[in-house]
Amino acid sequence: MTSSPRAEVVDVAALLATRPDGERAVLWSAGNQLQTNVVSLAPGARIDAHAEPALDVTLAVLVGALELGQDGLVVDVRAPAVVVLPAGARRSLTAGPDGVSYLTAHRPRTGMLPTVR
């Protein structure tokens, strides 16, 4: 008898409680057909402008706030919030004064490594 794949339940509160020091931390990452990451940025940390040319990306702000820069506009995004970034959307992220933790989800891809400042 073949067993079916098991759901993975992630305790986000426990992840956020163990956030390591540093500007950026990938607290959790998993995926096969859907790449999912929980990322935490320290207060004021910035991910420079970048784009995913081929894939839509969903970003859910779990805790804190960030500034989303896109096409010369800056939008404040506060938890709880979901942002859908269409393929080709060039964006930057800057953590708010208390930092930010967010989840991203997208189809797997390679080669996109934004720079954190």
PDB file of N, CA and C in Angstrom:
ATOM      1  N   MET A   1       0.838  -1.172   0.000  1.00  0.00           N
ATOM      2  CA  MET A   1       0.000   0.000   0.000  1.00  0.00           C
ATOM      3  C   MET A   1       0.891   1.246   0.000  1.00  0.00           C
ATOM      4  N   THR A   2       0.597   2.152  -0.874  1.00  0.00           N
ATOM      5  CA  THR A   2       1.381   3.373  -0.988  1.00  0.00           C
ATOM      6  C   THR A   2       0.743   4.467  -0.146  1.00  0.00           C
ATOM      7  N   SER A   3       1.562   5.151   0.655  1.00  0.00           N
ATOM      8  CA  SER A   3       1.012   6.239   1.469  1.00  0.00           C
ATOM      9  C   SER A   3       1.048   7.541   0.669  1.00  0.00           C
ATOM     10  N   SER A   4       0.093   8.392   0.947  1.00  0.00           N
ATOM     11  CA  SER A   4       0.031   9.681   0.258  1.00  0.00           C
ATOM     12  C   SER A   4       0.974  10.670   0.948  1.00  0.00           C
ATOM     13  N   PRO A   5       1.373  11.716   0.226  1.00  0.00           N
ATOM     14  CA  PRO A   5       2.241  12.721   0.840  1.00  0.00           C
ATOM     15  C   PRO A   5       1.564  13.345   2.055  1.00  0.00           C
ATOM     16  N   ARG A   6       2.364  13.695   3.040  1.00  0.00           N
ATOM     17  CA  ARG A   6       1.858  14.282   4.274  1.00  0.00           C
ATOM     18  C   ARG A   6       1.954  15.796   4.220  1.00  0.00           C
ATOM     19  N   ALA A   7       0.954  16.458   4.753  1.00  0.00           N
ATOM     20  CA  ALA A   7       0.974  17.914   4.884  1.00  0.00           C
ATOM     21  C   ALA A   7       2.040  18.296   5.914  1.00  0.00           C
ATOM     22  N   GLU A   8       2.693  19.404   5.680  1.00  0.00           N
ATOM     23  CA  GLU A   8       3.665  19.921   6.636  1.00  0.00           C
ATOM     24  C   GLU A   8       3.050  21.131   7.327  1.00  0.00           C
ATOM     25  N   VAL A   9       2.885  21.032   8.629  1.00  0.00           N
ATOM     26  CA  VAL A   9       2.336  22.129   9.416  1.00  0.00           C
ATOM     27  C   VAL A   9       3.499  22.850  10.076  1.00  0.00           C
ATOM     28  N   VAL A  10       3.566  24.168   9.873  1.00  0.00           N
ATOM     29  CA  VAL A  10       4.666  24.970  10.393  1.00  0.00           C
ATOM     30  C   VAL A  10       4.145  25.893  11.481  1.00  0.00           C
ATOM     31  N   ASP A  11       4.756  25.846  12.647  1.00  0.00           N
ATOM     32  CA  ASP A  11       4.405  26.724  13.760  1.00  0.00           C
ATOM     33  C   ASP A  11       5.117  28.057  13.552  1.00  0.00           C
ATOM     34  N   VAL A  12       4.428  28.994  12.926  1.00  0.00           N
ATOM     35  CA  VAL A  12       5.030  30.284  12.576  1.00  0.00           C
ATOM     36  C   VAL A  12       5.426  31.056  13.830  1.00  0.00           C
ATOM     37  N   ALA A  13       4.612  31.013  14.868  1.00  0.00           N
ATOM     38  CA  ALA A  13       4.952  31.720  16.112  1.00  0.00           C
ATOM     39  C   ALA A  13       6.276  31.207  16.670  1.00  0.00           C
ATOM     40  N   ALA A  14       6.492  29.895  16.632  1.00  0.00           N
ATOM     41  CA  ALA A  14       7.758  29.333  17.119  1.00  0.00           C
ATOM     42  C   ALA A  14       8.920  29.767  16.236  1.00  0.00           C
ATOM     43  N   LEU A  15       8.708  29.801  14.919  1.00  0.00           N
ATOM     44  CA  LEU A  15       9.755  30.283  14.007  1.00  0.00           C
ATOM     45  C   LEU A  15      10.152  31.715  14.343  1.00  0.00           C
ATOM     46  N   LEU A  16       9.158  32.573  14.515  1.00  0.00           N
ATOM     47  CA  LEU A  16       9.433  33.986  14.765  1.00  0.00           C
ATOM     48  C   LEU A  16      10.102  34.193  16.113  1.00  0.00           C
ATOM     49  N   ALA A  17       9.821  33.339  17.076  1.00  0.00           N
ATOM     50  CA  ALA A  17      10.428  33.457  18.406  1.00  0.00           C
ATOM     51  C   ALA A  17      11.906  33.089  18.394  1.00  0.00           C
ATOM     52  N   THR A  18      12.342  32.355  17.369  1.00  0.00           N
ATOM     53  CA  THR A  18      13.744  31.919  17.306  1.00  0.00           C
ATOM     54  C   THR A  18      14.537  32.674  16.252  1.00  0.00           C
ATOM     55  N   ARG A  19      14.039  33.834  15.826  1.00  0.00           N
ATOM     56  CA  ARG A  19      14.710  34.599  14.773  1.00  0.00           C
ATOM     57  C   ARG A  19      16.156  34.883  15.160  1.00  0.00           C
ATOM     58  N   PRO A  20      17.113  34.473  14.338  1.00  0.00           N
ATOM     59  CA  PRO A  20      18.525  34.746  14.641  1.00  0.00           C
ATOM     60  C   PRO A  20      18.872  36.213  14.411  1.00  0.00           C
ATOM     61  N   ASP A  21      19.993  36.632  14.995  1.00  0.00           N
ATOM     62  CA  ASP A  21      20.474  37.990  14.761  1.00  0.00           C
ATOM     63  C   ASP A  21      20.914  38.128  13.311  1.00  0.00           C
ATOM     64  N   GLY A  22      20.907  39.353  12.827  1.00  0.00           N
ATOM     65  CA  GLY A  22      21.337  39.615  11.457  1.00  0.00           C
ATOM     66  C   GLY A  22      20.257  40.356  10.707  1.00  0.00           C
ATOM     67  N   GLU A  23      20.638  40.904   9.561  1.00  0.00           N
ATOM     68  CA  GLU A  23      19.700  41.695   8.785  1.00  0.00           C
ATOM     69  C   GLU A  23      18.601  40.865   8.160  1.00  0.00           C
ATOM     70  N   ARG A  24      18.962  39.666   7.720  1.00  0.00           N
ATOM     71  CA  ARG A  24      17.996  38.821   7.028  1.00  0.00           C
ATOM     72  C   ARG A  24      18.172  37.385   7.474  1.00  0.00           C
ATOM     73  N   ALA A  25      17.053  36.721   7.662  1.00  0.00           N
ATOM     74  CA  ALA A  25      17.101  35.312   8.014  1.00  0.00           C
ATOM     75  C   ALA A  25      15.981  34.589   7.286  1.00  0.00           C
ATOM     76  N   VAL A  26      16.321  33.520   6.610  1.00  0.00           N
ATOM     77  CA  VAL A  26      15.303  32.635   6.068  1.00  0.00           C
ATOM     78  C   VAL A  26      15.013  31.651   7.192  1.00  0.00           C
ATOM     79  N   LEU A  27      13.851  31.806   7.800  1.00  0.00           N
ATOM     80  CA  LEU A  27      13.504  31.011   8.970  1.00  0.00           C
ATOM     81  C   LEU A  27      13.032  29.611   8.599  1.00  0.00           C
ATOM     82  N   TRP A  28      12.468  29.484   7.413  1.00  0.00           N
ATOM     83  CA  TRP A  28      11.951  28.195   6.968  1.00  0.00           C
ATOM     84  C   TRP A  28      11.787  28.238   5.465  1.00  0.00           C
ATOM     85  N   SER A  29      12.058  27.128   4.823  1.00  0.00           N
ATOM     86  CA  SER A  29      11.911  27.037   3.376  1.00  0.00           C
ATOM     87  C   SER A  29      11.568  25.600   3.019  1.00  0.00           C
ATOM     88  N   ALA A  30      10.641  25.443   2.102  1.00  0.00           N
ATOM     89  CA  ALA A  30      10.271  24.110   1.652  1.00  0.00           C
ATOM     90  C   ALA A  30       9.610  24.225   0.296  1.00  0.00           C
ATOM     91  N   GLY A  31       9.558  23.131  -0.375  1.00  0.00           N
ATOM     92  CA  GLY A  31       8.804  23.142  -1.611  1.00  0.00           C
ATOM     93  C   GLY A  31       9.307  22.155  -2.615  1.00  0.00           C
ATOM     94  N   ASN A  32       8.391  21.749  -3.426  1.00  0.00           N
ATOM     95  CA  ASN A  32       8.679  20.885  -4.544  1.00  0.00           C
ATOM     96  C   ASN A  32       8.020  21.523  -5.757  1.00  0.00           C
ATOM     97  N   GLN A  33       6.703  21.505  -5.793  1.00  0.00           N
ATOM     98  CA  GLN A  33       5.984  22.172  -6.871  1.00  0.00           C
ATOM     99  C   GLN A  33       5.665  23.620  -6.526  1.00  0.00           C
ATOM    100  N   LEU A  34       5.734  23.959  -5.241  1.00  0.00           N
ATOM    101  CA  LEU A  34       5.497  25.321  -4.785  1.00  0.00           C
ATOM    102  C   LEU A  34       6.574  25.671  -3.767  1.00  0.00           C
ATOM    103  N   GLN A  35       7.420  26.627  -4.093  1.00  0.00           N
ATOM    104  CA  GLN A  35       8.485  27.065  -3.189  1.00  0.00           C
ATOM    105  C   GLN A  35       7.898  28.050  -2.186  1.00  0.00           C
ATOM    106  N   THR A  36       8.081  27.770  -0.907  1.00  0.00           N
ATOM    107  CA  THR A  36       7.537  28.611   0.155  1.00  0.00           C
ATOM    108  C   THR A  36       8.650  28.932   1.135  1.00  0.00           C
ATOM    109  N   ASN A  37       8.742  30.207   1.527  1.00  0.00           N
ATOM    110  CA  ASN A  37       9.789  30.667   2.440  1.00  0.00           C
ATOM    111  C   ASN A  37       9.180  31.571   3.492  1.00  0.00           C
ATOM    112  N   VAL A  38       9.680  31.478   4.714  1.00  0.00           N
ATOM    113  CA  VAL A  38       9.383  32.469   5.745  1.00  0.00           C
ATOM    114  C   VAL A  38      10.683  33.214   5.981  1.00  0.00           C
ATOM    115  N   VAL A  39      10.632  34.537   5.762  1.00  0.00           N
ATOM    116  CA  VAL A  39      11.814  35.387   5.813  1.00  0.00           C
ATOM    117  C   VAL A  39      11.600  36.465   6.865  1.00  0.00           C
ATOM    118  N   SER A  40      12.665  36.822   7.557  1.00  0.00           N
ATOM    119  CA  SER A  40      12.587  37.884   8.546  1.00  0.00           C
ATOM    120  C   SER A  40      13.672  38.910   8.231  1.00  0.00           C
ATOM    121  N   LEU A  41      13.298  40.189   8.260  1.00  0.00           N
ATOM    122  CA  LEU A  41      14.243  41.287   8.042  1.00  0.00           C
ATOM    123  C   LEU A  41      14.310  42.137   9.298  1.00  0.00           C
ATOM    124  N   ALA A  42      15.513  42.529   9.685  1.00  0.00           N
ATOM    125  CA  ALA A  42      15.714  43.407  10.833  1.00  0.00           C
ATOM    126  C   ALA A  42      15.190  44.802  10.513  1.00  0.00           C
ATOM    127  N   PRO A  43      14.933  45.612  11.522  1.00  0.00           N
ATOM    128  CA  PRO A  43      14.464  46.981  11.282  1.00  0.00           C
ATOM    129  C   PRO A  43      15.363  47.725  10.284  1.00  0.00           C
ATOM    130  N   GLY A  44      14.735  48.294   9.267  1.00  0.00           N
ATOM    131  CA  GLY A  44      15.448  49.086   8.268  1.00  0.00           C
ATOM    132  C   GLY A  44      16.199  48.304   7.216  1.00  0.00           C
ATOM    133  N   ALA A  45      16.282  46.974   7.338  1.00  0.00           N
ATOM    134  CA  ALA A  45      16.990  46.175   6.331  1.00  0.00           C
ATOM    135  C   ALA A  45      16.255  46.302   4.997  1.00  0.00           C
ATOM    136  N   ARG A  46      17.030  46.268   3.921  1.00  0.00           N
ATOM    137  CA  ARG A  46      16.463  46.506   2.593  1.00  0.00           C
ATOM    138  C   ARG A  46      16.873  45.398   1.633  1.00  0.00           C
ATOM    139  N   ILE A  47      15.931  44.978   0.820  1.00  0.00           N
ATOM    140  CA  ILE A  47      16.227  44.105  -0.314  1.00  0.00           C
ATOM    141  C   ILE A  47      16.101  44.995  -1.544  1.00  0.00           C
ATOM    142  N   ASP A  48      17.208  45.158  -2.241  1.00  0.00           N
ATOM    143  CA  ASP A  48      17.257  46.062  -3.392  1.00  0.00           C
ATOM    144  C   ASP A  48      16.276  45.640  -4.483  1.00  0.00           C
ATOM    145  N   ALA A  49      16.000  46.576  -5.373  1.00  0.00           N
ATOM    146  CA  ALA A  49      15.062  46.342  -6.477  1.00  0.00           C
ATOM    147  C   ALA A  49      15.478  45.109  -7.281  1.00  0.00           C
ATOM    148  N   HIS A  50      14.507  44.271  -7.534  1.00  0.00           N
ATOM    149  CA  HIS A  50      14.717  43.056  -8.315  1.00  0.00           C
ATOM    150  C   HIS A  50      13.372  42.644  -8.899  1.00  0.00           C
ATOM    151  N   ALA A  51      13.412  41.746  -9.847  1.00  0.00           N
ATOM    152  CA  ALA A  51      12.181  41.256 -10.473  1.00  0.00           C
ATOM    153  C   ALA A  51      12.309  39.771 -10.728  1.00  0.00           C
ATOM    154  N   GLU A  52      11.208  39.108 -10.701  1.00  0.00           N
ATOM    155  CA  GLU A  52      11.125  37.721 -11.137  1.00  0.00           C
ATOM    156  C   GLU A  52      10.444  37.764 -12.493  1.00  0.00           C
ATOM    157  N   PRO A  53      11.220  37.587 -13.576  1.00  0.00           N
ATOM    158  CA  PRO A  53      10.654  37.808 -14.906  1.00  0.00           C
ATOM    159  C   PRO A  53       9.590  36.809 -15.333  1.00  0.00           C
ATOM    160  N   ALA A  54       9.617  35.585 -14.786  1.00  0.00           N
ATOM    161  CA  ALA A  54       8.727  34.555 -15.320  1.00  0.00           C
ATOM    162  C   ALA A  54       7.624  34.097 -14.377  1.00  0.00           C
ATOM    163  N   LEU A  55       7.686  34.483 -13.103  1.00  0.00           N
ATOM    164  CA  LEU A  55       6.760  33.915 -12.126  1.00  0.00           C
ATOM    165  C   LEU A  55       6.049  34.977 -11.300  1.00  0.00           C
ATOM    166  N   ASP A  56       4.774  34.760 -11.034  1.00  0.00           N
ATOM    167  CA  ASP A  56       4.074  35.539 -10.023  1.00  0.00           C
ATOM    168  C   ASP A  56       4.608  35.113  -8.654  1.00  0.00           C
ATOM    169  N   VAL A  57       4.620  36.053  -7.705  1.00  0.00           N
ATOM    170  CA  VAL A  57       5.046  35.762  -6.338  1.00  0.00           C
ATOM    171  C   VAL A  57       3.980  36.312  -5.391  1.00  0.00           C
ATOM    172  N   THR A  58       3.571  35.479  -4.446  1.00  0.00           N
ATOM    173  CA  THR A  58       2.678  35.929  -3.393  1.00  0.00           C
ATOM    174  C   THR A  58       3.519  36.184  -2.154  1.00  0.00           C
ATOM    175  N   LEU A  59       3.316  37.350  -1.545  1.00  0.00           N
ATOM    176  CA  LEU A  59       4.043  37.749  -0.340  1.00  0.00           C
ATOM    177  C   LEU A  59       3.001  38.064   0.727  1.00  0.00           C
ATOM    178  N   ALA A  60       3.069  37.368   1.858  1.00  0.00           N
ATOM    179  CA  ALA A  60       2.140  37.604   2.964  1.00  0.00           C
ATOM    180  C   ALA A  60       2.928  38.145   4.148  1.00  0.00           C
ATOM    181  N   VAL A  61       2.615  39.362   4.570  1.00  0.00           N
ATOM    182  CA  VAL A  61       3.277  39.956   5.733  1.00  0.00           C
ATOM    183  C   VAL A  61       2.640  39.354   6.975  1.00  0.00           C
ATOM    184  N   LEU A  62       3.457  38.664   7.771  1.00  0.00           N
ATOM    185  CA  LEU A  62       2.973  37.954   8.953  1.00  0.00           C
ATOM    186  C   LEU A  62       3.030  38.822  10.201  1.00  0.00           C
ATOM    187  N   VAL A  63       4.154  39.536  10.379  1.00  0.00           N
ATOM    188  CA  VAL A  63       4.390  40.369  11.556  1.00  0.00           C
ATOM    189  C   VAL A  63       5.175  41.590  11.113  1.00  0.00           C
ATOM    190  N   GLY A  64       4.813  42.752  11.628  1.00  0.00           N
ATOM    191  CA  GLY A  64       5.561  43.967  11.327  1.00  0.00           C
ATOM    192  C   GLY A  64       5.047  44.660  10.088  1.00  0.00           C
ATOM    193  N   ALA A  65       5.944  45.421   9.469  1.00  0.00           N
ATOM    194  CA  ALA A  65       5.568  46.216   8.306  1.00  0.00           C
ATOM    195  C   ALA A  65       6.765  46.351   7.379  1.00  0.00           C
ATOM    196  N   LEU A  66       6.463  46.652   6.111  1.00  0.00           N
ATOM    197  CA  LEU A  66       7.519  46.905   5.138  1.00  0.00           C
ATOM    198  C   LEU A  66       7.064  47.992   4.179  1.00  0.00           C
ATOM    199  N   GLU A  67       8.047  48.602   3.543  1.00  0.00           N
ATOM    200  CA  GLU A  67       7.774  49.513   2.440  1.00  0.00           C
ATOM    201  C   GLU A  67       8.050  48.754   1.158  1.00  0.00           C
ATOM    202  N   LEU A  68       7.050  48.697   0.299  1.00  0.00           N
ATOM    203  CA  LEU A  68       7.168  48.052  -0.997  1.00  0.00           C
ATOM    204  C   LEU A  68       7.385  49.150  -2.026  1.00  0.00           C
ATOM    205  N   GLY A  69       8.553  49.160  -2.642  1.00  0.00           N
ATOM    206  CA  GLY A  69       8.844  50.128  -3.690  1.00  0.00           C
ATOM    207  C   GLY A  69       8.622  49.492  -5.042  1.00  0.00           C
ATOM    208  N   GLN A  70       7.866  50.195  -5.892  1.00  0.00           N
ATOM    209  CA  GLN A  70       7.610  49.668  -7.231  1.00  0.00           C
ATOM    210  C   GLN A  70       7.300  50.822  -8.172  1.00  0.00           C
ATOM    211  N   ASP A  71       8.068  50.908  -9.266  1.00  0.00           N
ATOM    212  CA  ASP A  71       7.835  51.920 -10.306  1.00  0.00           C
ATOM    213  C   ASP A  71       7.791  53.339  -9.739  1.00  0.00           C
ATOM    214  N   GLY A  72       8.701  53.642  -8.811  1.00  0.00           N
ATOM    215  CA  GLY A  72       8.765  54.986  -8.244  1.00  0.00           C
ATOM    216  C   GLY A  72       7.766  55.258  -7.141  1.00  0.00           C
ATOM    217  N   LEU A  73       6.894  54.310  -6.853  1.00  0.00           N
ATOM    218  CA  LEU A  73       5.914  54.458  -5.780  1.00  0.00           C
ATOM    219  C   LEU A  73       6.353  53.633  -4.579  1.00  0.00           C
ATOM    220  N   VAL A  74       6.002  54.107  -3.392  1.00  0.00           N
ATOM    221  CA  VAL A  74       6.272  53.358  -2.171  1.00  0.00           C
ATOM    222  C   VAL A  74       4.940  53.140  -1.462  1.00  0.00           C
ATOM    223  N   VAL A  75       4.672  51.892  -1.126  1.00  0.00           N
ATOM    224  CA  VAL A  75       3.429  51.532  -0.442  1.00  0.00           C
ATOM    225  C   VAL A  75       3.804  50.904   0.899  1.00  0.00           C
ATOM    226  N   ASP A  76       3.181  51.404   1.980  1.00  0.00           N
ATOM    227  CA  ASP A  76       3.358  50.789   3.295  1.00  0.00           C
ATOM    228  C   ASP A  76       2.455  49.565   3.378  1.00  0.00           C
ATOM    229  N   VAL A  77       3.031  48.440   3.758  1.00  0.00           N
ATOM    230  CA  VAL A  77       2.282  47.196   3.887  1.00  0.00           C
ATOM    231  C   VAL A  77       2.473  46.697   5.313  1.00  0.00           C
ATOM    232  N   ARG A  78       1.379  46.576   6.047  1.00  0.00           N
ATOM    233  CA  ARG A  78       1.425  46.163   7.450  1.00  0.00           C
ATOM    234  C   ARG A  78       0.700  44.834   7.635  1.00  0.00           C
ATOM    235  N   ALA A  79       1.217  44.024   8.562  1.00  0.00           N
ATOM    236  CA  ALA A  79       0.587  42.741   8.882  1.00  0.00           C
ATOM    237  C   ALA A  79      -0.782  42.964   9.486  1.00  0.00           C
ATOM    238  N   PRO A  80      -1.697  42.107   9.198  1.00  0.00           N
ATOM    239  CA  PRO A  80      -1.655  41.026   8.217  1.00  0.00           C
ATOM    240  C   PRO A  80      -2.034  41.561   6.841  1.00  0.00           C
ATOM    241  N   ALA A  81      -1.274  41.195   5.851  1.00  0.00           N
ATOM    242  CA  ALA A  81      -1.545  41.646   4.484  1.00  0.00           C
ATOM    243  C   ALA A  81      -0.958  40.650   3.493  1.00  0.00           C
ATOM    244  N   VAL A  82      -1.577  40.599   2.325  1.00  0.00           N
ATOM    245  CA  VAL A  82      -1.090  39.762   1.235  1.00  0.00           C
ATOM    246  C   VAL A  82      -0.887  40.645   0.017  1.00  0.00           C
ATOM    247  N   VAL A  83       0.259  40.469  -0.646  1.00  0.00           N
ATOM    248  CA  VAL A  83       0.585  41.205  -1.864  1.00  0.00           C
ATOM    249  C   VAL A  83       0.838  40.178  -2.963  1.00  0.00           C
ATOM    250  N   VAL A  84       0.235  40.370  -4.112  1.00  0.00           N
ATOM    251  CA  VAL A  84       0.507  39.515  -5.268  1.00  0.00           C
ATOM    252  C   VAL A  84       1.355  40.322  -6.230  1.00  0.00           C
ATOM    253  N   LEU A  85       2.571  39.846  -6.472  1.00  0.00           N
ATOM    254  CA  LEU A  85       3.519  40.506  -7.373  1.00  0.00           C
ATOM    255  C   LEU A  85       3.508  39.761  -8.699  1.00  0.00           C
ATOM    256  N   PRO A  86       2.985  40.378  -9.751  1.00  0.00           N
ATOM    257  CA  PRO A  86       2.927  39.681 -11.031  1.00  0.00           C
ATOM    258  C   PRO A  86       4.320  39.501 -11.637  1.00  0.00           C
ATOM    259  N   ALA A  87       4.447  38.494 -12.467  1.00  0.00           N
ATOM    260  CA  ALA A  87       5.714  38.253 -13.165  1.00  0.00           C
ATOM    261  C   ALA A  87       6.183  39.542 -13.818  1.00  0.00           C
ATOM    262  N   GLY A  88       7.467  39.838 -13.658  1.00  0.00           N
ATOM    263  CA  GLY A  88       8.061  41.031 -14.253  1.00  0.00           C
ATOM    264  C   GLY A  88       7.979  42.271 -13.390  1.00  0.00           C
ATOM    265  N   ALA A  89       7.234  42.230 -12.289  1.00  0.00           N
ATOM    266  CA  ALA A  89       7.110  43.400 -11.417  1.00  0.00           C
ATOM    267  C   ALA A  89       8.431  43.643 -10.691  1.00  0.00           C
ATOM    268  N   ARG A  90       9.031  44.790 -10.923  1.00  0.00           N
ATOM    269  CA  ARG A  90      10.288  45.159 -10.262  1.00  0.00           C
ATOM    270  C   ARG A  90       9.934  45.795  -8.922  1.00  0.00           C
ATOM    271  N   ARG A  91      10.532  45.284  -7.850  1.00  0.00           N
ATOM    272  CA  ARG A  91      10.190  45.782  -6.525  1.00  0.00           C
ATOM    273  C   ARG A  91      11.386  45.747  -5.591  1.00  0.00           C
ATOM    274  N   SER A  92      11.318  46.616  -4.568  1.00  0.00           N
ATOM    275  CA  SER A  92      12.271  46.601  -3.466  1.00  0.00           C
ATOM    276  C   SER A  92      11.460  46.482  -2.181  1.00  0.00           C
ATOM    277  N   LEU A  93      12.103  45.979  -1.132  1.00  0.00           N
ATOM    278  CA  LEU A  93      11.454  45.824   0.167  1.00  0.00           C
ATOM    279  C   LEU A  93      12.335  46.447   1.230  1.00  0.00           C
ATOM    280  N   THR A  94      11.746  47.254   2.105  1.00  0.00           N
ATOM    281  CA  THR A  94      12.466  47.831   3.234  1.00  0.00           C
ATOM    282  C   THR A  94      11.656  47.550   4.490  1.00  0.00           C
ATOM    283  N   ALA A  95      12.306  46.906   5.464  1.00  0.00           N
ATOM    284  CA  ALA A  95      11.626  46.572   6.711  1.00  0.00           C
ATOM    285  C   ALA A  95      11.284  47.830   7.486  1.00  0.00           C
ATOM    286  N   GLY A  96      10.153  47.805   8.172  1.00  0.00           N
ATOM    287  CA  GLY A  96       9.729  48.916   9.008  1.00  0.00           C
ATOM    288  C   GLY A  96      10.568  49.020  10.271  1.00  0.00           C
ATOM    289  N   PRO A  97      10.231  49.964  11.150  1.00  0.00           N
ATOM    290  CA  PRO A  97      11.039  50.232  12.340  1.00  0.00           C
ATOM    291  C   PRO A  97      11.100  49.074  13.332  1.00  0.00           C
ATOM    292  N   ASP A  98      10.140  48.158  13.281  1.00  0.00           N
ATOM    293  CA  ASP A  98      10.158  46.987  14.159  1.00  0.00           C
ATOM    294  C   ASP A  98      10.562  45.725  13.422  1.00  0.00           C
ATOM    295  N   GLY A  99      11.015  45.873  12.181  1.00  0.00           N
ATOM    296  CA  GLY A  99      11.348  44.717  11.362  1.00  0.00           C
ATOM    297  C   GLY A  99      10.095  44.136  10.733  1.00  0.00           C
ATOM    298  N   VAL A 100      10.282  43.058   9.987  1.00  0.00           N
ATOM    299  CA  VAL A 100       9.161  42.413   9.314  1.00  0.00           C
ATOM    300  C   VAL A 100       9.476  40.932   9.127  1.00  0.00           C
ATOM    301  N   SER A 101       8.444  40.125   9.204  1.00  0.00           N
ATOM    302  CA  SER A 101       8.547  38.715   8.838  1.00  0.00           C
ATOM    303  C   SER A 101       7.444  38.443   7.831  1.00  0.00           C
ATOM    304  N   TYR A 102       7.796  37.753   6.754  1.00  0.00           N
ATOM    305  CA  TYR A 102       6.835  37.517   5.688  1.00  0.00           C
ATOM    306  C   TYR A 102       7.042  36.152   5.062  1.00  0.00           C
ATOM    307  N   LEU A 103       6.013  35.702   4.394  1.00  0.00           N
ATOM    308  CA  LEU A 103       6.027  34.433   3.697  1.00  0.00           C
ATOM    309  C   LEU A 103       5.956  34.723   2.202  1.00  0.00           C
ATOM    310  N   THR A 104       6.748  34.030   1.403  1.00  0.00           N
ATOM    311  CA  THR A 104       6.618  34.108  -0.047  1.00  0.00           C
ATOM    312  C   THR A 104       6.267  32.732  -0.578  1.00  0.00           C
ATOM    313  N   ALA A 105       5.527  32.718  -1.678  1.00  0.00           N
ATOM    314  CA  ALA A 105       5.164  31.456  -2.325  1.00  0.00           C
ATOM    315  C   ALA A 105       5.168  31.674  -3.834  1.00  0.00           C
ATOM    316  N   HIS A 106       5.778  30.733  -4.545  1.00  0.00           N
ATOM    317  CA  HIS A 106       5.883  30.807  -5.999  1.00  0.00           C
ATOM    318  C   HIS A 106       6.309  29.446  -6.526  1.00  0.00           C
ATOM    319  N   ARG A 107       6.162  29.259  -7.809  1.00  0.00           N
ATOM    320  CA  ARG A 107       6.706  28.041  -8.410  1.00  0.00           C
ATOM    321  C   ARG A 107       8.225  28.078  -8.260  1.00  0.00           C
ATOM    322  N   PRO A 108       8.867  26.934  -8.157  1.00  0.00           N
ATOM    323  CA  PRO A 108      10.329  26.917  -8.031  1.00  0.00           C
ATOM    324  C   PRO A 108      11.001  27.591  -9.218  1.00  0.00           C
ATOM    325  N   ARG A 109      12.094  28.278  -8.927  1.00  0.00           N
ATOM    326  CA  ARG A 109      12.914  28.902  -9.953  1.00  0.00           C
ATOM    327  C   ARG A 109      14.342  28.990  -9.425  1.00  0.00           C
ATOM    328  N   THR A 110      15.259  29.305 -10.307  1.00  0.00           N
ATOM    329  CA  THR A 110      16.660  29.406  -9.906  1.00  0.00           C
ATOM    330  C   THR A 110      17.199  30.771 -10.302  1.00  0.00           C
ATOM    331  N   GLY A 111      18.281  31.157  -9.654  1.00  0.00           N
ATOM    332  CA  GLY A 111      19.030  32.329 -10.092  1.00  0.00           C
ATOM    333  C   GLY A 111      18.635  33.660  -9.504  1.00  0.00           C
ATOM    334  N   MET A 112      17.531  33.781  -8.782  1.00  0.00           N
ATOM    335  CA  MET A 112      17.143  35.078  -8.239  1.00  0.00           C
ATOM    336  C   MET A 112      17.608  35.160  -6.796  1.00  0.00           C
ATOM    337  N   LEU A 113      18.610  35.958  -6.532  1.00  0.00           N
ATOM    338  CA  LEU A 113      19.121  36.143  -5.181  1.00  0.00           C
ATOM    339  C   LEU A 113      19.206  37.645  -4.908  1.00  0.00           C
ATOM    340  N   PRO A 114      18.136  38.241  -4.359  1.00  0.00           N
ATOM    341  CA  PRO A 114      18.181  39.672  -4.072  1.00  0.00           C
ATOM    342  C   PRO A 114      19.229  40.004  -3.026  1.00  0.00           C
ATOM    343  N   THR A 115      19.766  41.210  -3.114  1.00  0.00           N
ATOM    344  CA  THR A 115      20.788  41.677  -2.191  1.00  0.00           C
ATOM    345  C   THR A 115      20.141  42.379  -1.018  1.00  0.00           C
ATOM    346  N   VAL A 116      20.567  42.021   0.191  1.00  0.00           N
ATOM    347  CA  VAL A 116      20.068  42.670   1.410  1.00  0.00           C
ATOM    348  C   VAL A 116      21.073  43.695   1.855  1.00  0.00           C
ATOM    349  N   ARG A 117      20.580  44.892   2.209  1.00  0.00           N
ATOM    350  CA  ARG A 117      21.458  45.937   2.739  1.00  0.00           C
ATOM    351  C   ARG A 117      21.040  46.297   4.131  1.00  0.00           C
TER     352      ARG A 117
END
